[in-house]
C-alpha atoms as a PDB file:
ATOM      1  CA  MET A   1       1.321  16.829  -7.864  1.00  0.00           C
ATOM      2  CA  ASN A   2      -1.628  19.151  -7.171  1.00  0.00           C
ATOM      3  CA  PHE A   3      -3.655  19.348  -3.958  1.00  0.00           C
ATOM      4  CA  PHE A   4      -6.267  16.802  -5.036  1.00  0.00           C
ATOM      5  CA  GLU A   5      -3.584  14.316  -6.091  1.00  0.00           C
ATOM      6  CA  ARG A   6      -1.766  14.813  -2.772  1.00  0.00           C
ATOM      7  CA  ILE A   7      -4.876  14.237  -0.689  1.00  0.00           C
ATOM      8  CA  THR A   8      -5.804  11.192  -2.770  1.00  0.00           C
ATOM      9  CA  HIS A   9      -2.286   9.838  -2.224  1.00  0.00           C
ATOM     10  CA  LEU A  10      -2.568  10.411   1.529  1.00  0.00           C
ATOM     11  CA  ILE A  11      -5.989   8.736   1.628  1.00  0.00           C
ATOM     12  CA  ASN A  12      -4.466   5.665  -0.034  1.00  0.00           C
ATOM     13  CA  LEU A  13      -1.451   5.669   2.295  1.00  0.00           C
ATOM     14  CA  LYS A  14      -3.629   5.884   5.381  1.00  0.00           C
ATOM     15  CA  GLY A  15      -5.969   3.217   4.035  1.00  0.00           C
ATOM     16  CA  VAL A  16      -9.145   5.224   4.533  1.00  0.00           C
ATOM     17  CA  THR A  17     -11.925   6.045   2.114  1.00  0.00           C
ATOM     18  CA  ARG A  18     -12.820   9.541   0.957  1.00  0.00           C
ATOM     19  CA  HIS A  19     -16.149   9.110   2.696  1.00  0.00           C
ATOM     20  CA  LYS A  20     -14.473   8.272   6.010  1.00  0.00           C
ATOM     21  CA  LEU A  21     -12.116  11.241   5.711  1.00  0.00           C
ATOM     22  CA  LEU A  22     -14.962  13.627   4.977  1.00  0.00           C
ATOM     23  CA  THR A  23     -17.141  12.177   7.727  1.00  0.00           C
ATOM     24  CA  ASP A  24     -14.337  12.236  10.302  1.00  0.00           C
ATOM     25  CA  LEU A  25     -13.500  15.847   9.477  1.00  0.00           C
ATOM     26  CA  LYS A  26     -17.103  16.953   8.890  1.00  0.00           C
ATOM     27  CA  ILE A  27     -16.276  18.246   5.406  1.00  0.00           C
ATOM     28  CA  ASN A  28     -18.963  18.558   2.743  1.00  0.00           C
ATOM     29  CA  HIS A  29     -18.712  16.071  -0.152  1.00  0.00           C
ATOM     30  CA  ASN A  30     -19.389  18.875  -2.654  1.00  0.00           C
ATOM     31  CA  ALA A  31     -16.422  20.817  -1.310  1.00  0.00           C
ATOM     32  CA  PHE A  32     -14.211  17.777  -1.823  1.00  0.00           C
ATOM     33  CA  ALA A  33     -15.430  17.414  -5.416  1.00  0.00           C
ATOM     34  CA  LYS A  34     -14.475  21.058  -6.110  1.00  0.00           C
ATOM     35  CA  TRP A  35     -10.899  20.340  -5.034  1.00  0.00           C
ATOM     36  CA  SER A  36     -10.437  18.104  -8.073  1.00  0.00           C
ATOM     37  CA  ASN A  37     -10.070  21.377  -9.995  1.00  0.00           C
ATOM     38  CA  PRO A  38      -6.334  22.214  -9.824  1.00  0.00           C
ATOM     39  CA  GLU A  39      -7.214  25.873  -9.137  1.00  0.00           C
ATOM     40  CA  SER A  40      -9.436  25.051  -6.147  1.00  0.00           C
ATOM     41  CA  TYR A  41      -8.308  24.577  -2.540  1.00  0.00           C
ATOM     42  CA  PRO A  42     -10.000  24.109   0.815  1.00  0.00           C
ATOM     43  CA  ASP A  43     -10.374  27.076   3.129  1.00  0.00           C
ATOM     44  CA  ALA A  44      -7.785  27.564   5.884  1.00  0.00           C
ATOM     45  CA  LYS A  45      -9.914  25.779   8.507  1.00  0.00           C
ATOM     46  CA  ASN A  46     -10.305  22.646   6.374  1.00  0.00           C
ATOM     47  CA  LEU A  47      -6.655  22.725   5.266  1.00  0.00           C
ATOM     48  CA  ALA A  48      -5.596  22.662   8.914  1.00  0.00           C
ATOM     49  CA  LYS A  49      -7.999  19.798   9.713  1.00  0.00           C
ATOM     50  CA  ILE A  50      -6.723  17.746   6.764  1.00  0.00           C
ATOM     51  CA  ALA A  51      -3.079  18.412   7.630  1.00  0.00           C
ATOM     52  CA  ASP A  52      -3.685  17.334  11.241  1.00  0.00           C
ATOM     53  CA  TYR A  53      -5.603  14.227  10.133  1.00  0.00           C
ATOM     54  CA  PHE A  54      -2.704  13.026   7.962  1.00  0.00           C
ATOM     55  CA  ASP A  55       0.033  14.452  10.191  1.00  0.00           C
ATOM     56  CA  VAL A  56       1.502  16.536   7.372  1.00  0.00           C
ATOM     57  CA  SER A  57       2.056  20.267   6.997  1.00  0.00           C
ATOM     58  CA  VAL A  58      -0.305  22.630   5.211  1.00  0.00           C
ATOM     59  CA  ASP A  59       2.681  23.569   3.039  1.00  0.00           C
ATOM     60  CA  TYR A  60       2.967  19.921   1.961  1.00  0.00           C
ATOM     61  CA  LEU A  61      -0.737  19.808   1.048  1.00  0.00           C
ATOM     62  CA  LEU A  62      -0.326  22.968  -1.019  1.00  0.00           C
ATOM     63  CA  GLY A  63       2.744  21.636  -2.801  1.00  0.00           C
ATOM     64  CA  ARG A  64       5.078  24.174  -1.206  1.00  0.00           C
ATOM     65  CA  GLU A  65       7.114  21.522   0.584  1.00  0.00           C
ATOM     66  CA  LYS A  66       8.640  18.353  -0.778  1.00  0.00           C
ATOM     67  CA  ALA A  67       7.768  15.024   0.778  1.00  0.00           C
ATOM     68  CA  GLY A  68       9.738  14.734   3.963  1.00  0.00           C
ATOM     69  CA  ASN A  69       9.879  12.908   7.246  1.00  0.00           C
ATOM     70  CA  ASN A  70       6.326  13.879   8.111  1.00  0.00           C
ATOM     71  CA  ILE A  71       4.724  11.846   5.305  1.00  0.00           C
ATOM     72  CA  PRO A  72       2.990   8.866   6.872  1.00  0.00           C
ATOM     73  CA  LEU A  73       3.841   5.340   5.812  1.00  0.00           C
ATOM     74  CA  ASN A  74       1.738   2.296   6.440  1.00  0.00           C
ATOM     75  CA  GLU A  75       3.167  -0.790   8.167  1.00  0.00           C
ATOM     76  CA  PHE A  76       3.839  -2.591   4.884  1.00  0.00           C
ATOM     77  CA  GLN A  77       5.806   0.342   3.469  1.00  0.00           C
ATOM     78  CA  ILE A  78       7.861   0.581   6.652  1.00  0.00           C
ATOM     79  CA  ALA A  79       8.603  -3.162   6.495  1.00  0.00           C
ATOM     80  CA  VAL A  80       9.720  -2.914   2.853  1.00  0.00           C
ATOM     81  CA  LEU A  81      11.996   0.013   3.694  1.00  0.00           C
ATOM     82  CA  ALA A  82      13.487  -1.852   6.642  1.00  0.00           C
ATOM     83  CA  GLU A  83      14.155  -4.972   4.566  1.00  0.00           C
ATOM     84  CA  THR A  84      15.722  -3.063   1.675  1.00  0.00           C
ATOM     85  CA  ALA A  85      17.602  -0.293   3.487  1.00  0.00           C
ATOM     86  CA  ASP A  86      20.982  -1.960   3.091  1.00  0.00           C
ATOM     87  CA  ILE A  87      20.677  -2.636  -0.658  1.00  0.00           C
ATOM     88  CA  ASN A  88      23.195  -0.234  -2.174  1.00  0.00           C
ATOM     89  CA  ASP A  89      23.842  -1.897  -5.526  1.00  0.00           C
ATOM     90  CA  GLU A  90      21.837  -0.023  -8.204  1.00  0.00           C
ATOM     91  CA  ASN A  91      21.392  -3.157 -10.303  1.00  0.00           C
ATOM     92  CA  VAL A  92      19.920  -5.018  -7.334  1.00  0.00           C
ATOM     93  CA  GLN A  93      17.663  -2.045  -6.549  1.00  0.00           C
ATOM     94  CA  GLU A  94      16.408  -1.966 -10.149  1.00  0.00           C
ATOM     95  CA  LYS A  95      15.785  -5.724 -10.155  1.00  0.00           C
ATOM     96  CA  PHE A  96      13.884  -5.422  -6.864  1.00  0.00           C
ATOM     97  CA  LEU A  97      11.659  -2.674  -8.292  1.00  0.00           C
ATOM     98  CA  GLN A  98      10.981  -4.681 -11.446  1.00  0.00           C
ATOM     99  CA  ASN A  99       9.987  -7.700  -9.361  1.00  0.00           C
ATOM    100  CA  ALA A 100       7.814  -5.564  -7.087  1.00  0.00           C
ATOM    101  CA  LYS A 101       5.971  -4.098 -10.100  1.00  0.00           C
ATOM    102  CA  HIS A 102       5.544  -7.581 -11.589  1.00  0.00           C
ATOM    103  CA  PHE A 103       4.179  -8.907  -8.290  1.00  0.00           C
ATOM    104  CA  LYS A 104       1.788  -5.958  -7.989  1.00  0.00           C
ATOM    105  CA  ASP A 105       0.488  -6.643 -11.505  1.00  0.00           C
ATOM    106  CA  LEU A 106      -0.016 -10.336 -10.675  1.00  0.00           C
ATOM    107  CA  ILE A 107      -2.009  -9.750  -7.505  1.00  0.00           C
ATOM    108  CA  SER A 108      -4.140  -6.951  -8.946  1.00  0.00           C
ATOM    109  CA  LYS A 109      -5.644  -9.223 -11.604  1.00  0.00           C
END
């Protein structure tokens, strides 16, 4: 996952829009558009602001750190994890994921 994909993922997790993120952090929309190029990154000041906003490390944003305990989850994701934490059977886990994907497809129509 490149920087732009990571920030897009974090925007979705936090449930904010790109516009809100950029407005909150006072970042230029043109700068954000440049970051869609996999070779382009924000300057150090903006990287720090983004990392603080999402409560992740700069290393995570740059892809130098795997997803860890500091990746934010929304309330729904936390609830799903809590409800499924004790499912150890791989067949049951696979069935759960299949049903979750099916449900997601149904509600997104």
